[in-house]
Amino acid sequence: MTRDFTLTTARLTMRRWQDADRDAFAEMNADPEVMADLGGPLSRAASDAKLASFDAAFDSHGFGRWLVQGSPGGEPEFLGYAGIKPHDASHPLGAHNDIGWRLRRRAWGHGFATEAATAALDDAFGRVGLDAVYAYTAADNIRSQRVMARLGLDRAEQLDFTMPDEVLGEWHGLVWVASAP
C-alpha cells in the first residue's frame, strides 16, 4: 500500500503514519487520562515502538491503525488513531484482527471514534476482504464500549480473555465481533 492512500469521512482524514507524527502520538500516549485503561502513560520509547508496529502492519498486511486527522478548531490536526491490527496465533484469541482507537482528550465526545472506526471497518470488509474483526476493551472502559455499541458490534462473552500485562499484571478483555456484511 502506498503512503499516500487515505480514507476520508465527512469530517476526518485517515492516513498512514509519517516520522513527523511521532511527537503528537507520544504526547497522546503520555496523557494519563487517555491511557488510563492500559495502565498509564507510555514512555517515549514505548510510544515510538507502538508507532513502528502500526507502520509495519501496513507494510506486511496492507492495513493497520490509521492516523486520524480532523478540523474541530478549523485547521487540520492530529486527533489520534483508529484501525485494524493483525494478531498472530500467540494471542490468547489466536490469530485474528482487532479494531482499536485512541483519541486525544480534546477529541472525545464528538463522535470521531465512531466515525473513524466505521471507515476502518468499511475498508477492512471492502478493500481488504476480511470476514470478521474483533474489538475488545477492559470492563471499566465504558467510553469504548459505547463506541462498540454504536458500531453495531455483537458482544461475544465466550471469547473474553485474560492476558499477562507488564504494567497491570493481568489484563481482562471483554470481546465484541464485527462481521462482514
Protein backbone atom coordinates (compact mmCIF):
# COMPACT_ATOMS: atom_id res chain seq x y z
CA MET A 1 0.00 0.00 0.00
CA THR A 2 1.36 3.38 -0.93
CA ARG A 3 1.92 6.01 1.74
CA ASP A 4 -0.48 8.44 0.06
CA PHE A 5 -3.53 6.12 0.33
CA THR A 6 -6.13 7.70 2.63
CA LEU A 7 -9.59 7.06 3.96
CA THR A 8 -11.92 10.03 4.25
CA THR A 9 -15.20 10.63 6.03
CA ALA A 10 -17.39 13.70 6.31
CA ARG A 11 -15.11 15.19 8.98
CA LEU A 12 -11.93 13.10 9.05
CA THR A 13 -8.91 12.11 7.01
CA MET A 14 -7.20 8.84 7.90
CA ARG A 15 -3.72 8.16 6.55
CA ARG A 16 -0.58 6.14 7.10
CA TRP A 17 1.93 7.33 9.65
CA GLN A 18 4.93 9.55 8.93
CA ASP A 19 8.03 10.22 11.03
CA ALA A 20 6.73 13.72 11.73
CA ASP A 21 3.74 12.19 13.58
CA ARG A 22 5.88 10.74 16.41
CA ASP A 23 5.68 13.79 18.68
CA ALA A 24 1.88 14.12 18.57
CA PHE A 25 1.50 10.35 19.02
CA ALA A 26 3.88 10.37 22.03
CA GLU A 27 2.06 13.35 23.56
CA MET A 28 -1.27 11.48 23.35
CA ASN A 29 0.31 8.31 24.81
CA ALA A 30 1.80 10.32 27.69
CA ASP A 31 -1.61 11.60 28.84
CA PRO A 32 -2.61 9.67 32.00
CA GLU A 33 -6.34 10.06 31.33
CA VAL A 34 -6.08 8.89 27.71
CA MET A 35 -4.00 5.88 28.79
CA ALA A 36 -5.94 5.00 31.97
CA ASP A 37 -7.43 1.77 30.56
CA LEU A 38 -3.97 0.44 29.65
CA GLY A 39 -2.15 1.00 32.91
CA GLY A 40 -0.99 4.57 32.40
CA PRO A 41 1.22 6.65 30.14
CA LEU A 42 3.75 5.18 27.73
CA SER A 43 7.39 6.19 27.70
CA ARG A 44 8.65 7.84 24.52
CA ALA A 45 10.48 4.63 23.58
CA ALA A 46 7.33 2.53 24.05
CA SER A 47 5.28 5.05 22.07
CA ASP A 48 7.80 5.02 19.21
CA ALA A 49 7.80 1.19 19.23
CA LYS A 50 3.99 1.12 19.06
CA LEU A 51 4.02 3.55 16.12
CA ALA A 52 6.63 1.40 14.35
CA SER A 53 4.39 -1.66 14.82
CA PHE A 54 1.45 0.22 13.29
CA ASP A 55 3.54 1.10 10.25
CA ALA A 56 4.91 -2.45 9.96
CA ALA A 57 1.35 -3.84 9.87
CA PHE A 58 0.61 -1.72 6.80
CA ASP A 59 3.79 -2.95 5.12
CA SER A 60 3.07 -6.61 5.93
CA HIS A 61 -0.72 -6.81 5.62
CA GLY A 62 -1.90 -3.73 3.72
CA PHE A 63 -3.91 -2.47 6.69
CA GLY A 64 -3.35 -1.29 10.23
CA ARG A 65 -4.04 1.55 12.64
CA TRP A 66 -4.59 4.79 10.71
CA LEU A 67 -3.62 8.25 11.90
CA VAL A 68 -6.85 10.24 12.29
CA GLN A 69 -6.88 13.95 11.44
CA GLY A 70 -9.79 16.33 11.74
CA SER A 71 -10.54 20.02 11.92
CA PRO A 72 -12.58 20.59 15.08
CA GLY A 73 -10.97 24.01 15.53
CA GLY A 74 -10.74 24.92 11.84
CA GLU A 75 -7.22 23.73 10.92
CA PRO A 76 -6.49 20.02 10.36
CA GLU A 77 -4.90 18.46 13.44
CA PHE A 78 -3.86 15.11 14.86
CA LEU A 79 -6.79 13.56 16.73
CA GLY A 80 -5.47 10.04 17.34
CA TYR A 81 -5.75 6.70 15.61
CA ALA A 82 -8.24 4.05 14.56
CA GLY A 83 -7.93 0.89 12.54
CA ILE A 84 -7.41 -2.82 12.33
CA LYS A 85 -4.45 -4.63 13.88
CA PRO A 86 -3.49 -8.17 12.89
CA HIS A 87 -2.51 -10.59 15.67
CA ASP A 88 -0.76 -13.94 15.32
CA ALA A 89 -1.52 -17.27 17.00
CA SER A 90 0.39 -16.29 20.16
CA HIS A 91 -2.50 -14.02 21.25
CA PRO A 92 -4.98 -15.60 23.73
CA LEU A 93 -7.65 -15.43 20.98
CA GLY A 94 -5.33 -16.97 18.39
CA ALA A 95 -4.74 -15.39 15.00
CA HIS A 96 -7.27 -12.63 14.41
CA ASN A 97 -7.71 -8.96 13.55
CA ASP A 98 -8.93 -6.40 16.06
CA ILE A 99 -10.19 -2.87 15.68
CA GLY A 100 -9.00 -0.22 18.07
CA TRP A 101 -8.97 3.52 18.51
CA ARG A 102 -7.42 6.08 20.80
CA LEU A 103 -8.06 9.81 20.66
CA ARG A 104 -6.60 12.86 22.34
CA ARG A 105 -8.79 14.09 25.18
CA ARG A 106 -9.90 17.20 23.33
CA ALA A 107 -11.28 14.96 20.57
CA TRP A 108 -13.52 13.00 22.97
CA GLY A 109 -17.28 13.41 22.85
CA HIS A 110 -17.57 14.47 19.20
CA GLY A 111 -18.27 11.09 17.59
CA PHE A 112 -14.81 10.95 15.96
CA ALA A 113 -14.01 7.44 17.29
CA THR A 114 -17.23 6.01 15.85
CA GLU A 115 -16.75 7.82 12.55
CA ALA A 116 -13.13 6.69 12.18
CA ALA A 117 -13.86 3.11 13.28
CA THR A 118 -16.74 2.89 10.79
CA ALA A 119 -14.39 3.94 7.97
CA ALA A 120 -11.76 1.42 9.13
CA LEU A 121 -14.31 -1.41 9.23
CA ASP A 122 -15.66 -0.47 5.80
CA ASP A 123 -12.08 -0.64 4.46
CA ALA A 124 -11.41 -3.95 6.24
CA PHE A 125 -14.54 -5.62 4.89
CA GLY A 126 -14.33 -3.99 1.45
CA ARG A 127 -10.83 -3.40 0.11
CA VAL A 128 -9.04 -5.82 2.47
CA GLY A 129 -11.71 -8.57 2.34
CA LEU A 130 -11.76 -9.61 6.00
CA ASP A 131 -14.70 -11.71 7.22
CA ALA A 132 -14.64 -10.73 10.89
CA VAL A 133 -12.93 -8.25 13.16
CA TYR A 134 -12.78 -8.41 16.96
CA ALA A 135 -12.93 -5.47 19.33
CA TYR A 136 -12.01 -5.71 22.98
CA THR A 137 -11.65 -3.48 25.97
CA ALA A 138 -11.46 -3.56 29.75
CA ALA A 139 -14.67 -3.82 31.75
CA ASP A 140 -14.23 -0.28 33.10
CA ASN A 141 -13.71 1.34 29.68
CA ILE A 142 -17.32 2.38 29.22
CA ARG A 143 -16.42 5.01 26.60
CA SER A 144 -15.07 2.35 24.21
CA GLN A 145 -17.97 0.01 24.97
CA ARG A 146 -20.34 2.77 23.87
CA VAL A 147 -18.44 3.12 20.59
CA MET A 148 -18.73 -0.66 20.07
CA ALA A 149 -22.49 -0.41 20.62
CA ARG A 150 -22.79 2.49 18.14
CA LEU A 151 -20.82 0.43 15.60
CA GLY A 152 -23.35 -2.40 15.97
CA LEU A 153 -20.78 -4.96 17.12
CA ASP A 154 -22.04 -8.15 18.76
CA ARG A 155 -20.93 -8.94 22.31
CA ALA A 156 -19.12 -12.32 22.38
CA GLU A 157 -18.75 -13.22 26.07
CA GLN A 158 -17.48 -16.71 25.17
CA LEU A 159 -14.35 -15.04 23.74
CA ASP A 160 -13.48 -12.91 26.79
CA PHE A 161 -9.86 -13.47 27.79
CA THR A 162 -7.12 -12.66 30.25
CA MET A 163 -3.53 -11.99 29.27
CA PRO A 164 -0.34 -11.04 31.09
CA ASP A 165 0.45 -7.32 31.15
CA GLU A 166 3.78 -5.74 32.12
CA VAL A 167 2.09 -2.87 33.96
CA LEU A 168 -1.22 -4.29 35.20
CA GLY A 169 -0.10 -7.87 35.90
CA GLU A 170 -3.13 -9.24 34.08
CA TRP A 171 -5.47 -7.56 31.64
CA HIS A 172 -9.04 -8.81 31.19
CA GLY A 173 -10.54 -8.25 27.75
CA LEU A 174 -14.25 -8.17 27.00
CA VAL A 175 -14.82 -9.09 23.35
CA TRP A 176 -17.20 -7.89 20.62
CA VAL A 177 -17.29 -9.07 16.98
CA ALA A 178 -17.95 -7.23 13.73
CA SER A 179 -18.84 -9.45 10.77
CA ALA A 180 -18.62 -8.61 7.09
CA PRO A 181 -21.97 -7.57 5.62
